[in-house]
Amino acid sequence: MPTVIHFPTENVPPAPEPCALTDLIRDELFHLSSNEYMVNCILERMKPFIATLDCDLELDVEITPENEEGVLQMIPSVQALQTRFDGIISEIISERILHEIHLFHIERASKL
C-alpha cells in the first residue's frame, strides 16, 4: 500500500475573538478574495485597531419633564452626527484593510 505524504501547510494563526467589527472586516477581506490564512494574519495584526474602534458611544442623557422638549429636538442632529461618524469609521476601516493587504503581500514577497 502506498504511503500518503500530506501536502505541507502553513501554520494558520488562530482566528481572533469574534465581534461585530471583526466579522465586518473578515467579510470584507473574504469579499476581496483573501484566503483564510491571510484573513487571520491581517485580523491578528488589526486587534489593537479593532479594540480601539469597538467602543460604546451611547449618549447618556437623563430626560426630565424640564428638558424633554430640548432633548427631543436634538435627536435629528444626533442621528445625523451618528450617520457621519459611521461613514468616517467605514472609510477608515476600508483604508486600513487595503493597507494591511498591501503589507501582507510585501511581507510574503520578502520571504521568498
C-alpha atoms as a PDB file:
ATOM      1  CA  MET A   1       0.000   0.000   0.000  1.00  0.00           C
ATOM      2  CA  PRO A   2       1.472   3.409  -0.936  1.00  0.00           C
ATOM      3  CA  THR A   3       2.397   5.891   1.711  1.00  0.00           C
ATOM      4  CA  VAL A   4       0.387   9.096   1.630  1.00  0.00           C
ATOM      5  CA  ILE A   5       2.509  12.181   2.055  1.00  0.00           C
ATOM      6  CA  HIS A   6       0.398  15.055   3.249  1.00  0.00           C
ATOM      7  CA  PHE A   7       0.771  18.340   1.437  1.00  0.00           C
ATOM      8  CA  PRO A   8       2.688  20.801   3.630  1.00  0.00           C
ATOM      9  CA  THR A   9       0.544  23.603   5.002  1.00  0.00           C
ATOM     10  CA  GLU A  10       1.420  26.811   6.691  1.00  0.00           C
ATOM     11  CA  ASN A  11       0.693  27.324  10.361  1.00  0.00           C
ATOM     12  CA  VAL A  12      -2.550  29.256  10.307  1.00  0.00           C
ATOM     13  CA  PRO A  13      -2.779  31.666  13.235  1.00  0.00           C
ATOM     14  CA  PRO A  14      -5.878  31.280  15.399  1.00  0.00           C
ATOM     15  CA  ALA A  15      -8.821  33.454  14.462  1.00  0.00           C
ATOM     16  CA  PRO A  16      -9.307  36.481  16.731  1.00  0.00           C
ATOM     17  CA  GLU A  17     -12.279  36.690  19.095  1.00  0.00           C
ATOM     18  CA  PRO A  18     -15.380  37.473  17.064  1.00  0.00           C
ATOM     19  CA  CYS A  19     -17.130  40.804  17.469  1.00  0.00           C
ATOM     20  CA  ALA A  20     -19.295  42.765  15.076  1.00  0.00           C
ATOM     21  CA  LEU A  21     -16.320  44.777  13.817  1.00  0.00           C
ATOM     22  CA  THR A  22     -14.132  41.686  13.419  1.00  0.00           C
ATOM     23  CA  ASP A  23     -16.914  39.979  11.473  1.00  0.00           C
ATOM     24  CA  LEU A  24     -17.305  43.042   9.235  1.00  0.00           C
ATOM     25  CA  ILE A  25     -13.567  43.123   8.488  1.00  0.00           C
ATOM     26  CA  ARG A  26     -13.461  39.341   7.942  1.00  0.00           C
ATOM     27  CA  ASP A  27     -16.353  39.596   5.451  1.00  0.00           C
ATOM     28  CA  GLU A  28     -14.662  42.474   3.636  1.00  0.00           C
ATOM     29  CA  LEU A  29     -11.392  40.530   3.378  1.00  0.00           C
ATOM     30  CA  PHE A  30     -13.158  37.463   2.010  1.00  0.00           C
ATOM     31  CA  HIS A  31     -15.022  39.703  -0.421  1.00  0.00           C
ATOM     32  CA  LEU A  32     -11.614  40.877  -1.654  1.00  0.00           C
ATOM     33  CA  SER A  33     -10.675  37.238  -2.385  1.00  0.00           C
ATOM     34  CA  SER A  34      -8.425  36.716   0.612  1.00  0.00           C
ATOM     35  CA  ASN A  35      -7.732  33.200   1.858  1.00  0.00           C
ATOM     36  CA  GLU A  36      -8.219  32.030   5.468  1.00  0.00           C
ATOM     37  CA  TYR A  37      -4.505  32.328   6.293  1.00  0.00           C
ATOM     38  CA  MET A  38      -4.343  35.907   5.011  1.00  0.00           C
ATOM     39  CA  VAL A  39      -7.565  36.881   6.802  1.00  0.00           C
ATOM     40  CA  ASN A  40      -6.343  35.503  10.129  1.00  0.00           C
ATOM     41  CA  CYS A  41      -2.932  37.176   9.781  1.00  0.00           C
ATOM     42  CA  ILE A  42      -4.494  40.534   8.999  1.00  0.00           C
ATOM     43  CA  LEU A  43      -7.102  40.243  11.762  1.00  0.00           C
ATOM     44  CA  GLU A  44      -4.380  39.332  14.247  1.00  0.00           C
ATOM     45  CA  ARG A  45      -2.394  42.447  13.282  1.00  0.00           C
ATOM     46  CA  MET A  46      -5.547  44.561  13.460  1.00  0.00           C
ATOM     47  CA  LYS A  47      -6.516  43.507  17.013  1.00  0.00           C
ATOM     48  CA  PRO A  48      -5.391  46.799  18.651  1.00  0.00           C
ATOM     49  CA  PHE A  49      -7.124  48.793  15.901  1.00  0.00           C
ATOM     50  CA  ILE A  50     -10.346  46.813  16.328  1.00  0.00           C
ATOM     51  CA  ALA A  51     -10.205  47.211  20.103  1.00  0.00           C
ATOM     52  CA  THR A  52      -9.863  50.981  19.672  1.00  0.00           C
ATOM     53  CA  LEU A  53     -12.948  51.178  17.463  1.00  0.00           C
ATOM     54  CA  ASP A  54     -15.043  48.661  19.388  1.00  0.00           C
ATOM     55  CA  CYS A  55     -16.404  51.058  21.958  1.00  0.00           C
ATOM     56  CA  ASP A  56     -19.796  52.140  23.172  1.00  0.00           C
ATOM     57  CA  LEU A  57     -20.696  55.665  22.118  1.00  0.00           C
ATOM     58  CA  GLU A  58     -24.079  55.816  23.763  1.00  0.00           C
ATOM     59  CA  LEU A  59     -25.344  59.243  24.648  1.00  0.00           C
ATOM     60  CA  ASP A  60     -26.339  59.131  28.288  1.00  0.00           C
ATOM     61  CA  VAL A  61     -28.962  61.796  28.739  1.00  0.00           C
ATOM     62  CA  GLU A  62     -31.435  61.866  31.545  1.00  0.00           C
ATOM     63  CA  ILE A  63     -34.802  63.020  30.304  1.00  0.00           C
ATOM     64  CA  THR A  64     -36.758  65.028  32.804  1.00  0.00           C
ATOM     65  CA  PRO A  65     -40.008  66.909  32.293  1.00  0.00           C
ATOM     66  CA  GLU A  66     -37.983  70.136  32.171  1.00  0.00           C
ATOM     67  CA  ASN A  67     -35.570  69.055  29.418  1.00  0.00           C
ATOM     68  CA  GLU A  68     -37.740  66.607  27.448  1.00  0.00           C
ATOM     69  CA  GLU A  69     -38.611  69.055  24.659  1.00  0.00           C
ATOM     70  CA  GLY A  70     -34.973  70.132  24.171  1.00  0.00           C
ATOM     71  CA  VAL A  71     -33.744  66.538  24.129  1.00  0.00           C
ATOM     72  CA  LEU A  72     -36.363  65.559  21.537  1.00  0.00           C
ATOM     73  CA  GLN A  73     -35.291  68.497  19.356  1.00  0.00           C
ATOM     74  CA  MET A  74     -31.680  67.264  19.474  1.00  0.00           C
ATOM     75  CA  ILE A  75     -32.489  63.760  18.205  1.00  0.00           C
ATOM     76  CA  PRO A  76     -32.270  64.554  14.453  1.00  0.00           C
ATOM     77  CA  SER A  77     -28.915  66.294  14.940  1.00  0.00           C
ATOM     78  CA  VAL A  78     -27.550  63.384  16.971  1.00  0.00           C
ATOM     79  CA  GLN A  79     -28.756  60.912  14.324  1.00  0.00           C
ATOM     80  CA  ALA A  80     -27.091  62.946  11.559  1.00  0.00           C
ATOM     81  CA  LEU A  81     -23.859  63.053  13.577  1.00  0.00           C
ATOM     82  CA  GLN A  82     -24.046  59.270  14.054  1.00  0.00           C
ATOM     83  CA  THR A  83     -24.510  58.765  10.310  1.00  0.00           C
ATOM     84  CA  ARG A  84     -21.478  60.952   9.513  1.00  0.00           C
ATOM     85  CA  PHE A  85     -19.446  59.215  12.203  1.00  0.00           C
ATOM     86  CA  ASP A  86     -20.382  55.753  10.816  1.00  0.00           C
ATOM     87  CA  GLY A  87     -19.331  56.863   7.324  1.00  0.00           C
ATOM     88  CA  ILE A  88     -15.972  58.145   8.549  1.00  0.00           C
ATOM     89  CA  ILE A  89     -15.297  54.952  10.523  1.00  0.00           C
ATOM     90  CA  SER A  90     -16.203  52.837   7.471  1.00  0.00           C
ATOM     91  CA  GLU A  91     -13.741  54.802   5.341  1.00  0.00           C
ATOM     92  CA  ILE A  92     -11.013  54.414   7.972  1.00  0.00           C
ATOM     93  CA  ILE A  93     -11.633  50.662   8.183  1.00  0.00           C
ATOM     94  CA  SER A  94     -11.576  50.292   4.393  1.00  0.00           C
ATOM     95  CA  GLU A  95      -8.289  52.191   4.118  1.00  0.00           C
ATOM     96  CA  ARG A  96      -6.765  50.116   6.919  1.00  0.00           C
ATOM     97  CA  ILE A  97      -7.868  46.860   5.265  1.00  0.00           C
ATOM     98  CA  LEU A  98      -6.286  47.877   1.954  1.00  0.00           C
ATOM     99  CA  HIS A  99      -3.112  48.905   3.798  1.00  0.00           C
ATOM    100  CA  GLU A 100      -2.958  45.582   5.644  1.00  0.00           C
ATOM    101  CA  ILE A 101      -3.467  43.613   2.416  1.00  0.00           C
ATOM    102  CA  HIS A 102      -0.606  45.570   0.854  1.00  0.00           C
ATOM    103  CA  LEU A 103       1.638  44.876   3.884  1.00  0.00           C
ATOM    104  CA  PHE A 104       0.725  41.194   3.816  1.00  0.00           C
ATOM    105  CA  HIS A 105       1.792  40.853   0.185  1.00  0.00           C
ATOM    106  CA  ILE A 106       5.025  42.795   0.789  1.00  0.00           C
ATOM    107  CA  GLU A 107       5.901  40.539   3.743  1.00  0.00           C
ATOM    108  CA  ARG A 108       5.114  37.401   1.754  1.00  0.00           C
ATOM    109  CA  ALA A 109       7.189  38.585  -1.206  1.00  0.00           C
ATOM    110  CA  SER A 110      10.157  39.429   1.025  1.00  0.00           C
ATOM    111  CA  LYS A 111      10.153  35.874   2.462  1.00  0.00           C
ATOM    112  CA  LEU A 112      10.550  34.313  -0.973  1.00  0.00           C
END
